[in-house]
Amino acid sequence: MKKIVAFLATLVIAGATFAGEYPDISVAEVKALVGTKKATFIDVNGSDSYNKGHVPGALNFDKIEGSLAKSLPANKNALIVAYCGNPRCKAYQAAADAANKLGYKNVKHMSAGISGWNKAGEKVETAH
């Protein structure tokens, strides 16, 4: 019985490790990074939302998904921040997982999403 419990515990830990969870980064931290060229932001909210307003300088995942490697920095240790709509949204994982698969080691998630960014009164950039 102990072996079964140990095995199940190992599966749970392994599942959590590979569940696609990424460290959170706050709106304040993202605000401090905007315009510094020290991070690449990826908006995973879809083109309509992106066009209406996104974190300044963010990439539109809808448009670059197929060529993500060309859009990200050469340095695999560069900070990549993915976000979507709100804290309950999990769509960010598509971009975070894609960056991770390309070998990026410093991938984070702005869990507040664009709704948290807006709620904090931060400026957005719109697509023309």
C-alpha atoms as a PDB file:
ATOM      1  CA  MET A   1       0.000   0.000   0.000  1.00  0.00           C
ATOM      2  CA  LYS A   2       2.837   2.400   0.812  1.00  0.00           C
ATOM      3  CA  LYS A   3       4.328   1.805  -2.624  1.00  0.00           C
ATOM      4  CA  ILE A   4       1.025   2.657  -4.295  1.00  0.00           C
ATOM      5  CA  VAL A   5       0.676   5.872  -2.284  1.00  0.00           C
ATOM      6  CA  ALA A   6       4.290   6.813  -3.078  1.00  0.00           C
ATOM      7  CA  PHE A   7       3.696   6.115  -6.765  1.00  0.00           C
ATOM      8  CA  LEU A   8       0.521   8.215  -6.821  1.00  0.00           C
ATOM      9  CA  ALA A   9       2.291  11.053  -5.017  1.00  0.00           C
ATOM     10  CA  THR A  10       5.041  10.925  -7.649  1.00  0.00           C
ATOM     11  CA  LEU A  11       2.444  11.133 -10.423  1.00  0.00           C
ATOM     12  CA  VAL A  12       0.804  14.158  -8.804  1.00  0.00           C
ATOM     13  CA  ILE A  13       4.152  15.933  -8.456  1.00  0.00           C
ATOM     14  CA  ALA A  14       5.143  15.065 -12.021  1.00  0.00           C
ATOM     15  CA  GLY A  15       1.750  16.232 -13.282  1.00  0.00           C
ATOM     16  CA  ALA A  16       2.108  19.553 -11.505  1.00  0.00           C
ATOM     17  CA  THR A  17       5.585  19.990 -12.944  1.00  0.00           C
ATOM     18  CA  PHE A  18       4.381  19.469 -16.500  1.00  0.00           C
ATOM     19  CA  ALA A  19       1.022  21.227 -16.142  1.00  0.00           C
ATOM     20  CA  GLY A  20       2.326  24.295 -17.940  1.00  0.00           C
ATOM     21  CA  GLU A  21       2.352  26.560 -14.903  1.00  0.00           C
ATOM     22  CA  TYR A  22       4.689  29.522 -15.110  1.00  0.00           C
ATOM     23  CA  PRO A  23       5.817  31.989 -12.442  1.00  0.00           C
ATOM     24  CA  ASP A  24       3.567  34.988 -12.061  1.00  0.00           C
ATOM     25  CA  ILE A  25       4.695  38.523 -12.784  1.00  0.00           C
ATOM     26  CA  SER A  26       2.689  41.456 -11.441  1.00  0.00           C
ATOM     27  CA  VAL A  27       1.194  44.373 -13.331  1.00  0.00           C
ATOM     28  CA  ALA A  28       3.634  46.674 -11.484  1.00  0.00           C
ATOM     29  CA  GLU A  29       6.605  44.565 -12.601  1.00  0.00           C
ATOM     30  CA  VAL A  30       5.368  44.531 -16.195  1.00  0.00           C
ATOM     31  CA  LYS A  31       4.806  48.298 -16.087  1.00  0.00           C
ATOM     32  CA  ALA A  32       8.426  48.751 -14.980  1.00  0.00           C
ATOM     33  CA  LEU A  33       9.593  46.613 -17.908  1.00  0.00           C
ATOM     34  CA  VAL A  34       7.510  48.239 -20.654  1.00  0.00           C
ATOM     35  CA  GLY A  35       9.778  50.210 -22.967  1.00  0.00           C
ATOM     36  CA  THR A  36      13.012  48.871 -21.461  1.00  0.00           C
ATOM     37  CA  LYS A  37      13.646  46.143 -24.064  1.00  0.00           C
ATOM     38  CA  LYS A  38      14.302  43.803 -21.101  1.00  0.00           C
ATOM     39  CA  ALA A  39      11.219  41.668 -21.775  1.00  0.00           C
ATOM     40  CA  THR A  40       9.082  40.446 -24.635  1.00  0.00           C
ATOM     41  CA  PHE A  41       5.333  40.487 -24.036  1.00  0.00           C
ATOM     42  CA  ILE A  42       2.936  38.159 -25.822  1.00  0.00           C
ATOM     43  CA  ASP A  43      -0.795  38.936 -25.894  1.00  0.00           C
ATOM     44  CA  VAL A  44      -2.893  35.782 -26.349  1.00  0.00           C
ATOM     45  CA  ASN A  45      -6.317  37.453 -26.374  1.00  0.00           C
ATOM     46  CA  GLY A  46      -6.961  37.248 -30.107  1.00  0.00           C
ATOM     47  CA  SER A  47      -6.606  39.901 -32.767  1.00  0.00           C
ATOM     48  CA  ASP A  48      -9.846  41.772 -31.992  1.00  0.00           C
ATOM     49  CA  SER A  49      -8.871  42.284 -28.362  1.00  0.00           C
ATOM     50  CA  TYR A  50      -5.258  43.011 -29.312  1.00  0.00           C
ATOM     51  CA  ASN A  51      -6.375  45.725 -31.748  1.00  0.00           C
ATOM     52  CA  LYS A  52      -8.546  47.358 -29.064  1.00  0.00           C
ATOM     53  CA  GLY A  53      -5.749  47.510 -26.515  1.00  0.00           C
ATOM     54  CA  HIS A  54      -2.696  45.583 -25.347  1.00  0.00           C
ATOM     55  CA  VAL A  55       0.350  46.078 -23.150  1.00  0.00           C
ATOM     56  CA  PRO A  56       2.580  48.535 -25.043  1.00  0.00           C
ATOM     57  CA  GLY A  57       4.980  46.650 -27.281  1.00  0.00           C
ATOM     58  CA  ALA A  58       3.230  43.292 -26.874  1.00  0.00           C
ATOM     59  CA  LEU A  59       3.235  40.836 -29.747  1.00  0.00           C
ATOM     60  CA  ASN A  60      -0.060  39.545 -31.142  1.00  0.00           C
ATOM     61  CA  PHE A  61       0.140  35.763 -30.695  1.00  0.00           C
ATOM     62  CA  ASP A  62      -2.609  35.279 -33.297  1.00  0.00           C
ATOM     63  CA  LYS A  63      -0.371  36.812 -35.962  1.00  0.00           C
ATOM     64  CA  ILE A  64       2.996  35.357 -34.938  1.00  0.00           C
ATOM     65  CA  GLU A  65       2.115  31.899 -33.638  1.00  0.00           C
ATOM     66  CA  GLY A  66       3.450  30.158 -36.748  1.00  0.00           C
ATOM     67  CA  SER A  67       6.673  32.185 -36.744  1.00  0.00           C
ATOM     68  CA  LEU A  68       7.181  32.723 -33.021  1.00  0.00           C
ATOM     69  CA  ALA A  69      10.889  31.860 -33.195  1.00  0.00           C
ATOM     70  CA  LYS A  70      11.450  34.816 -35.569  1.00  0.00           C
ATOM     71  CA  SER A  71       9.654  37.205 -33.217  1.00  0.00           C
ATOM     72  CA  LEU A  72      11.460  36.317 -29.992  1.00  0.00           C
ATOM     73  CA  PRO A  73      14.972  37.412 -28.953  1.00  0.00           C
ATOM     74  CA  ALA A  74      17.971  35.240 -29.818  1.00  0.00           C
ATOM     75  CA  ASN A  75      18.936  35.038 -26.130  1.00  0.00           C
ATOM     76  CA  LYS A  76      17.140  31.997 -24.690  1.00  0.00           C
ATOM     77  CA  ASN A  77      17.454  33.493 -21.179  1.00  0.00           C
ATOM     78  CA  ALA A  78      15.486  36.599 -22.170  1.00  0.00           C
ATOM     79  CA  LEU A  79      12.335  37.309 -20.183  1.00  0.00           C
ATOM     80  CA  ILE A  80       9.167  36.303 -22.026  1.00  0.00           C
ATOM     81  CA  VAL A  81       5.830  37.367 -20.489  1.00  0.00           C
ATOM     82  CA  ALA A  82       2.606  35.834 -21.760  1.00  0.00           C
ATOM     83  CA  TYR A  83      -0.843  37.043 -20.749  1.00  0.00           C
ATOM     84  CA  CYS A  84      -4.465  36.691 -21.712  1.00  0.00           C
ATOM     85  CA  GLY A  85      -7.730  38.138 -20.434  1.00  0.00           C
ATOM     86  CA  ASN A  86      -7.885  37.721 -16.669  1.00  0.00           C
ATOM     87  CA  PRO A  87      -6.702  35.557 -13.757  1.00  0.00           C
ATOM     88  CA  ARG A  88      -9.049  32.700 -14.756  1.00  0.00           C
ATOM     89  CA  CYS A  89      -7.896  32.641 -18.385  1.00  0.00           C
ATOM     90  CA  LYS A  90      -5.512  29.836 -19.337  1.00  0.00           C
ATOM     91  CA  ALA A  91      -5.020  30.783 -23.000  1.00  0.00           C
ATOM     92  CA  TYR A  92      -1.636  32.312 -22.122  1.00  0.00           C
ATOM     93  CA  GLN A  93      -0.298  28.769 -21.796  1.00  0.00           C
ATOM     94  CA  ALA A  94      -0.264  28.330 -25.575  1.00  0.00           C
ATOM     95  CA  ALA A  95       2.308  31.128 -25.962  1.00  0.00           C
ATOM     96  CA  ALA A  96       4.216  30.242 -22.796  1.00  0.00           C
ATOM     97  CA  ASP A  97       4.438  26.585 -23.814  1.00  0.00           C
ATOM     98  CA  ALA A  98       5.504  27.527 -27.357  1.00  0.00           C
ATOM     99  CA  ALA A  99       8.299  29.760 -26.011  1.00  0.00           C
ATOM    100  CA  ASN A 100       9.332  27.067 -23.569  1.00  0.00           C
ATOM    101  CA  LYS A 101       9.417  24.497 -26.379  1.00  0.00           C
ATOM    102  CA  LEU A 102      11.703  26.849 -28.337  1.00  0.00           C
ATOM    103  CA  GLY A 103      14.131  26.734 -25.411  1.00  0.00           C
ATOM    104  CA  TYR A 104      13.304  29.928 -23.541  1.00  0.00           C
ATOM    105  CA  LYS A 105      14.114  29.463 -19.862  1.00  0.00           C
ATOM    106  CA  ASN A 106      12.634  32.640 -18.338  1.00  0.00           C
ATOM    107  CA  VAL A 107       8.938  32.494 -19.236  1.00  0.00           C
ATOM    108  CA  LYS A 108       6.450  34.188 -16.917  1.00  0.00           C
ATOM    109  CA  HIS A 109       2.722  34.806 -16.769  1.00  0.00           C
ATOM    110  CA  MET A 110       1.008  38.107 -16.025  1.00  0.00           C
ATOM    111  CA  SER A 111      -1.974  36.417 -14.399  1.00  0.00           C
ATOM    112  CA  ALA A 112      -3.907  39.678 -13.996  1.00  0.00           C
ATOM    113  CA  GLY A 113      -4.220  39.704 -17.774  1.00  0.00           C
ATOM    114  CA  ILE A 114      -5.305  42.668 -19.809  1.00  0.00           C
ATOM    115  CA  SER A 115      -8.303  43.180 -17.502  1.00  0.00           C
ATOM    116  CA  GLY A 116      -5.971  43.626 -14.529  1.00  0.00           C
ATOM    117  CA  TRP A 117      -3.747  45.905 -16.583  1.00  0.00           C
ATOM    118  CA  ASN A 118      -6.757  48.064 -17.462  1.00  0.00           C
ATOM    119  CA  LYS A 119      -8.123  47.972 -13.900  1.00  0.00           C
ATOM    120  CA  ALA A 120      -4.761  49.293 -12.655  1.00  0.00           C
ATOM    121  CA  GLY A 121      -5.198  52.256 -15.020  1.00  0.00           C
ATOM    122  CA  GLU A 122      -2.176  51.377 -17.163  1.00  0.00           C
ATOM    123  CA  LYS A 123      -1.891  52.725 -20.689  1.00  0.00           C
ATOM    124  CA  VAL A 124      -2.630  50.410 -23.580  1.00  0.00           C
ATOM    125  CA  GLU A 125      -1.428  50.484 -27.132  1.00  0.00           C
ATOM    126  CA  THR A 126      -3.900  49.955 -29.943  1.00  0.00           C
ATOM    127  CA  ALA A 127      -3.330  48.517 -33.406  1.00  0.00           C
ATOM    128  CA  HIS A 128      -3.989  50.832 -36.301  1.00  0.00           C
END
